[in-house]
N, C-alpha and C. Protein backbone atom coordinates (compact mmCIF):
# COMPACT_ATOMS: atom_id res chain seq x y z
N MET A 1 10.60 -15.36 -19.96
CA MET A 1 11.60 -15.08 -19.69
C MET A 1 11.57 -14.91 -18.56
N THR A 2 13.48 -15.07 -17.97
CA THR A 2 13.18 -15.42 -16.03
C THR A 2 14.08 -14.62 -16.19
N VAL A 3 14.66 -13.79 -14.83
CA VAL A 3 15.42 -13.70 -15.09
C VAL A 3 15.90 -13.76 -13.32
N ARG A 4 17.17 -14.26 -13.00
CA ARG A 4 17.91 -14.23 -11.65
C ARG A 4 18.70 -13.06 -10.98
N VAL A 5 18.43 -12.92 -9.73
CA VAL A 5 19.16 -11.51 -9.08
C VAL A 5 19.08 -11.99 -7.54
N GLU A 6 20.72 -11.38 -6.97
CA GLU A 6 20.51 -12.39 -5.13
C GLU A 6 21.05 -11.02 -4.85
N ARG A 7 20.97 -11.23 -2.87
CA ARG A 7 21.27 -9.80 -2.34
C ARG A 7 22.13 -11.51 -1.19
N GLY A 8 22.49 -9.93 -0.37
CA GLY A 8 22.84 -10.38 0.84
C GLY A 8 21.97 -9.73 1.44
N ILE A 9 21.74 -10.00 2.86
CA ILE A 9 20.32 -10.30 3.77
C ILE A 9 21.49 -10.83 5.36
N SER A 10 21.62 -9.59 6.54
CA SER A 10 22.03 -9.34 7.96
C SER A 10 21.40 -10.15 9.05
N ALA A 11 21.44 -11.21 8.38
CA ALA A 11 20.35 -12.21 9.37
C ALA A 11 20.37 -13.83 8.77
N PRO A 12 20.19 -14.46 10.38
CA PRO A 12 20.46 -16.17 9.67
C PRO A 12 20.02 -17.00 8.55
N PRO A 13 20.55 -17.24 7.97
CA PRO A 13 19.44 -17.86 6.84
C PRO A 13 17.69 -18.45 7.05
N GLU A 14 17.82 -19.49 8.24
CA GLU A 14 17.03 -19.56 8.90
C GLU A 14 16.11 -18.49 8.63
N VAL A 15 16.38 -17.78 9.11
CA VAL A 15 15.28 -16.89 9.55
C VAL A 15 14.39 -16.26 8.29
N VAL A 16 15.59 -15.91 7.32
CA VAL A 16 15.32 -15.62 5.61
C VAL A 16 14.34 -15.82 5.47
N PHE A 17 14.77 -17.44 5.53
CA PHE A 17 13.82 -18.29 4.51
C PHE A 17 12.38 -18.21 5.47
N ASN A 18 12.73 -18.87 6.72
CA ASN A 18 11.10 -18.74 7.07
C ASN A 18 10.45 -16.93 7.49
N THR A 19 11.16 -15.99 6.78
CA THR A 19 10.28 -14.65 7.60
C THR A 19 9.75 -14.72 5.52
N ALA A 20 10.32 -15.29 4.35
CA ALA A 20 10.29 -15.07 3.29
C ALA A 20 8.58 -16.16 2.64
N ILE A 21 8.57 -17.58 3.89
CA ILE A 21 7.89 -18.51 3.17
C ILE A 21 6.75 -18.41 3.73
N ASP A 22 6.81 -16.78 5.04
CA ASP A 22 5.58 -17.23 6.19
C ASP A 22 4.41 -16.38 5.16
N PRO A 23 3.11 -16.53 4.98
CA PRO A 23 1.50 -16.52 4.19
C PRO A 23 1.47 -15.00 4.82
N ARG A 24 1.56 -14.68 6.00
CA ARG A 24 1.87 -13.44 6.55
C ARG A 24 2.22 -12.34 6.26
N ARG A 25 3.05 -12.26 4.96
CA ARG A 25 4.23 -11.96 5.04
C ARG A 25 4.77 -11.34 3.56
N THR A 26 4.10 -13.09 2.56
CA THR A 26 4.93 -12.80 1.40
C THR A 26 4.01 -11.67 0.75
N ALA A 27 2.99 -10.84 1.30
CA ALA A 27 2.24 -10.02 0.79
C ALA A 27 3.30 -8.81 0.50
N TYR A 28 4.30 -8.74 0.88
CA TYR A 28 5.03 -7.60 1.71
C TYR A 28 6.11 -7.82 0.57
N TRP A 29 6.42 -8.61 0.28
CA TRP A 29 7.80 -9.09 -0.55
C TRP A 29 7.56 -9.98 -2.10
N LEU A 30 6.26 -10.69 -2.40
CA LEU A 30 6.36 -11.13 -3.00
C LEU A 30 5.67 -10.12 -4.03
N PRO A 31 6.11 -10.83 -5.44
CA PRO A 31 5.33 -9.99 -6.66
C PRO A 31 4.34 -10.45 -6.86
N GLU A 32 3.65 -9.36 -7.05
CA GLU A 32 1.16 -9.01 -7.23
C GLU A 32 1.17 -10.36 -7.66
N PRO A 33 1.94 -10.43 -9.32
CA PRO A 33 0.63 -11.67 -10.01
C PRO A 33 1.46 -13.50 -9.20
N LEU A 34 1.52 -13.51 -8.06
CA LEU A 34 2.04 -14.48 -7.06
C LEU A 34 1.58 -14.73 -6.35
N ARG A 35 0.34 -13.16 -5.77
CA ARG A 35 -0.36 -13.06 -5.16
C ARG A 35 -1.50 -13.53 -4.93
N ASP A 36 -2.25 -14.35 -4.59
CA ASP A 36 -4.12 -14.08 -4.44
C ASP A 36 -4.45 -13.67 -2.87
N GLY A 37 -4.07 -12.32 -3.33
CA GLY A 37 -4.59 -11.05 -2.42
C GLY A 37 -3.70 -11.21 -1.07
N GLU A 38 -3.87 -11.75 0.42
CA GLU A 38 -3.16 -11.50 0.94
C GLU A 38 -1.74 -12.71 1.32
N ARG A 39 -2.45 -13.62 0.03
CA ARG A 39 -2.14 -14.55 0.62
C ARG A 39 -0.88 -15.57 -0.96
N PRO A 40 0.40 -16.47 -0.58
CA PRO A 40 -0.01 -17.32 -2.10
C PRO A 40 -0.32 -17.70 -2.98
N ALA A 41 -0.39 -17.42 -4.25
CA ALA A 41 -1.33 -18.28 -5.37
C ALA A 41 -1.14 -20.08 -4.89
N THR A 42 0.04 -20.31 -5.06
CA THR A 42 0.50 -21.45 -4.94
C THR A 42 1.25 -21.87 -4.26
N GLU A 43 1.97 -22.83 -3.08
CA GLU A 43 3.65 -22.61 -3.13
C GLU A 43 3.79 -23.80 -3.43
N ILE A 44 4.25 -24.53 -4.39
CA ILE A 44 4.98 -26.04 -4.88
C ILE A 44 5.56 -27.07 -4.51
N THR A 45 6.34 -26.31 -3.69
CA THR A 45 7.54 -26.98 -3.35
C THR A 45 8.63 -25.78 -2.06
N VAL A 46 8.60 -26.80 -0.61
CA VAL A 46 9.05 -25.63 0.04
C VAL A 46 10.48 -27.26 1.12
N ASP A 47 12.01 -26.71 0.99
CA ASP A 47 12.64 -28.11 0.53
C ASP A 47 13.59 -26.83 1.57
N ASP A 48 14.71 -27.81 1.70
CA ASP A 48 16.29 -26.80 1.68
C ASP A 48 17.04 -25.35 1.75
N LEU A 49 15.79 -24.88 2.36
CA LEU A 49 15.77 -23.57 2.44
C LEU A 49 15.59 -22.98 0.54
N ARG A 50 15.17 -23.04 0.20
CA ARG A 50 14.21 -22.85 -1.02
C ARG A 50 12.53 -23.28 -1.06
N ALA A 51 12.67 -22.57 -1.94
CA ALA A 51 11.57 -22.33 -2.29
C ALA A 51 10.49 -21.88 -3.34
N ARG A 52 9.25 -22.50 -3.57
CA ARG A 52 8.81 -22.06 -5.63
C ARG A 52 7.42 -21.82 -5.84
N TRP A 53 7.33 -21.54 -5.91
CA TRP A 53 5.35 -20.57 -5.62
C TRP A 53 5.13 -20.71 -8.10
N HIS A 54 4.32 -20.95 -8.36
CA HIS A 54 4.14 -20.91 -9.40
C HIS A 54 2.01 -20.73 -9.81
N ARG A 55 1.84 -19.43 -10.57
CA ARG A 55 0.89 -19.36 -10.69
C ARG A 55 0.43 -19.74 -12.28
N ASP A 56 -0.88 -20.68 -12.47
CA ASP A 56 -0.96 -20.52 -13.99
C ASP A 56 -1.79 -20.26 -14.11
N GLY A 57 -1.61 -18.67 -15.55
CA GLY A 57 -2.93 -18.28 -16.55
C GLY A 57 -2.38 -17.74 -17.59
N SER A 58 -2.94 -17.06 -17.98
CA SER A 58 -2.31 -15.68 -18.61
C SER A 58 -1.82 -14.30 -18.52
N PRO A 59 -0.59 -14.42 -18.57
CA PRO A 59 0.58 -14.81 -18.41
C PRO A 59 0.84 -16.00 -17.41
N ALA A 60 1.28 -16.64 -16.93
CA ALA A 60 2.11 -17.33 -15.77
C ALA A 60 2.92 -16.93 -15.47
N TRP A 61 3.62 -17.39 -14.11
CA TRP A 61 4.44 -16.53 -13.46
C TRP A 61 4.68 -17.65 -12.32
N SER A 62 6.30 -18.40 -11.86
CA SER A 62 7.08 -18.79 -10.92
C SER A 62 7.67 -17.87 -10.53
N ALA A 63 8.38 -18.23 -9.36
CA ALA A 63 9.46 -17.94 -8.77
C ALA A 63 10.13 -19.16 -8.33
N ARG A 64 11.61 -18.74 -7.93
CA ARG A 64 12.44 -20.27 -7.44
C ARG A 64 13.23 -18.27 -6.16
N LEU A 65 13.23 -19.34 -4.97
CA LEU A 65 14.05 -18.66 -3.84
C LEU A 65 14.83 -19.81 -3.04
N GLU A 66 15.94 -18.55 -3.68
CA GLU A 66 17.48 -19.73 -2.57
C GLU A 66 17.61 -18.65 -1.78
N VAL A 67 17.94 -19.80 -0.04
CA VAL A 67 18.44 -19.07 1.15
C VAL A 67 19.80 -20.07 1.09
N SER A 68 20.91 -18.99 1.21
CA SER A 68 22.23 -19.84 1.81
C SER A 68 23.14 -19.41 2.35
N PRO A 69 23.65 -19.81 3.29
CA PRO A 69 24.85 -19.39 4.59
C PRO A 69 25.91 -18.58 3.71
N VAL A 70 26.03 -17.70 4.55
CA VAL A 70 27.83 -17.14 3.44
C VAL A 70 28.14 -17.09 5.22
N ASP A 71 29.59 -17.15 4.38
CA ASP A 71 30.53 -16.94 5.39
C ASP A 71 30.71 -15.86 6.85
N ALA A 72 30.32 -14.66 7.00
CA ALA A 72 29.74 -13.58 7.26
C ALA A 72 29.34 -13.75 8.27
N GLY A 73 28.09 -14.63 8.15
CA GLY A 73 26.96 -14.75 9.08
C GLY A 73 25.74 -14.10 8.71
N GLY A 74 25.63 -14.42 8.00
CA GLY A 74 24.19 -13.55 7.28
C GLY A 74 23.59 -14.75 6.11
N ALA A 75 22.73 -14.08 4.80
CA ALA A 75 23.01 -14.55 4.16
C ALA A 75 22.59 -14.26 2.87
N SER A 76 23.09 -16.06 2.26
CA SER A 76 22.14 -14.51 0.75
C SER A 76 21.65 -15.74 -0.12
N VAL A 77 20.76 -15.13 -0.71
CA VAL A 77 19.17 -15.61 -0.83
C VAL A 77 19.20 -14.56 -2.83
N ARG A 78 18.67 -15.88 -3.45
CA ARG A 78 18.79 -15.72 -5.49
C ARG A 78 17.16 -15.38 -5.22
N LEU A 79 16.59 -14.78 -6.87
CA LEU A 79 15.35 -15.37 -6.93
C LEU A 79 15.11 -15.61 -8.11
N GLU A 80 14.56 -16.53 -8.53
CA GLU A 80 14.35 -16.46 -10.00
C GLU A 80 13.25 -16.09 -10.24
N LEU A 81 12.57 -15.41 -11.33
CA LEU A 81 11.12 -14.32 -11.94
C LEU A 81 11.23 -15.34 -13.44
N ALA A 82 9.76 -15.89 -13.88
CA ALA A 82 10.20 -16.61 -15.11
C ALA A 82 8.33 -15.50 -15.48
N ALA A 83 7.88 -14.80 -15.96
CA ALA A 83 7.34 -14.54 -16.54
C ALA A 83 7.38 -13.66 -18.14
N ASP A 84 6.34 -12.98 -18.57
CA ASP A 84 6.08 -13.15 -19.70
C ASP A 84 6.59 -10.86 -19.47
N PRO A 85 6.28 -10.20 -18.62
CA PRO A 85 6.82 -9.06 -18.77
C PRO A 85 8.65 -8.92 -19.35
N PRO A 86 8.79 -8.07 -20.53
CA PRO A 86 10.17 -7.85 -21.25
C PRO A 86 10.75 -7.91 -19.88
N GLN A 87 12.46 -8.09 -19.68
CA GLN A 87 13.58 -8.47 -19.14
C GLN A 87 14.21 -7.38 -18.60
N ARG A 88 14.14 -6.31 -18.41
CA ARG A 88 14.49 -5.23 -17.62
C ARG A 88 13.16 -5.09 -16.57
N ARG A 89 12.15 -5.12 -16.88
CA ARG A 89 10.85 -5.07 -16.31
C ARG A 89 11.07 -5.56 -15.45
N LEU A 90 11.32 -7.12 -15.68
CA LEU A 90 10.88 -8.33 -14.65
C LEU A 90 12.45 -8.43 -13.97
N ARG A 91 13.46 -8.10 -14.51
CA ARG A 91 14.33 -7.56 -13.70
C ARG A 91 14.39 -6.94 -12.26
N GLU A 92 14.11 -5.63 -13.07
CA GLU A 92 13.49 -4.55 -11.70
C GLU A 92 12.23 -5.34 -10.63
N ILE A 93 11.52 -5.74 -11.44
CA ILE A 93 10.38 -6.38 -9.80
C ILE A 93 11.24 -7.41 -9.01
N ALA A 94 12.19 -8.93 -9.40
CA ALA A 94 12.82 -8.99 -8.83
C ALA A 94 13.84 -8.52 -7.90
N ASP A 95 15.03 -7.31 -8.30
CA ASP A 95 15.12 -6.26 -7.87
C ASP A 95 14.66 -6.14 -6.23
N GLU A 96 13.36 -5.31 -6.56
CA GLU A 96 12.20 -4.83 -5.98
C GLU A 96 11.55 -5.69 -4.75
N SER A 97 11.31 -6.94 -5.22
CA SER A 97 11.24 -7.94 -4.75
C SER A 97 12.08 -8.59 -3.15
N LEU A 98 13.54 -8.26 -3.45
CA LEU A 98 14.32 -8.60 -2.65
C LEU A 98 14.32 -7.80 -1.57
N ALA A 99 14.86 -6.25 -2.40
CA ALA A 99 14.74 -5.62 -1.39
C ALA A 99 14.07 -5.53 -0.15
N SER A 100 12.39 -6.04 -1.01
CA SER A 100 11.30 -5.57 -0.09
C SER A 100 11.57 -7.05 1.23
N LEU A 101 12.01 -7.68 0.40
CA LEU A 101 12.26 -8.97 1.39
C LEU A 101 13.27 -8.81 2.18
N ALA A 102 13.68 -8.16 1.52
CA ALA A 102 15.32 -7.54 3.02
C ALA A 102 14.22 -6.48 4.86
N ARG A 103 13.31 -5.66 4.34
CA ARG A 103 13.08 -4.60 4.66
C ARG A 103 11.95 -5.70 5.89
N VAL A 104 11.28 -6.96 5.20
CA VAL A 104 10.76 -7.60 5.93
C VAL A 104 10.98 -8.42 6.95
N VAL A 105 12.04 -9.32 6.70
CA VAL A 105 13.11 -9.37 7.87
C VAL A 105 13.28 -8.50 8.75
N ALA A 106 14.52 -7.07 8.36
CA ALA A 106 14.27 -6.72 8.81
C ALA A 106 13.56 -6.31 10.11
N ASP A 107 12.66 -6.07 10.35
CA ASP A 107 11.32 -5.55 10.81
C ASP A 107 10.99 -6.57 11.46
N ASN A 108 11.19 -7.92 10.49
CA ASN A 108 10.71 -9.23 11.67
C ASN A 108 11.88 -9.26 12.59
N LEU A 109 12.96 -9.12 13.01
CA LEU A 109 14.18 -9.20 14.00
C LEU A 109 14.12 -8.30 14.30
N THR A 110 13.93 -6.87 14.52
CA THR A 110 13.11 -5.85 15.12
C THR A 110 12.11 -6.20 15.88
N ALA A 111 10.55 -6.79 15.10
CA ALA A 111 10.29 -7.07 16.32
C ALA A 111 10.04 -8.19 17.37
N GLY A 112 11.31 -9.39 16.76
CA GLY A 112 10.76 -10.45 17.86
C GLY A 112 12.20 -10.96 17.74
């Protein structure tokens, strides 16, 4: 099953992306099955403000994140999750993940 969700975040795209891929911060937003403790399980690719994580096993999980600029100066963030949970639950996980990422980005901007 695969779901795609999108959210706007009021921060520069590079800040959103760098926060999202920071290994010290992924534990705060990346779904638990894609983490190994406090770190991402496997980061496959990072390029052009796109990242992908994948975890083999049963069930297999993967996430694709793409961050792009919006005219108002913020960022549009798209997250695609693929896993076994029912579509409704997977959508909830994706929505919760992006809400958490928005909080982590806001905390990052406030701290620094």
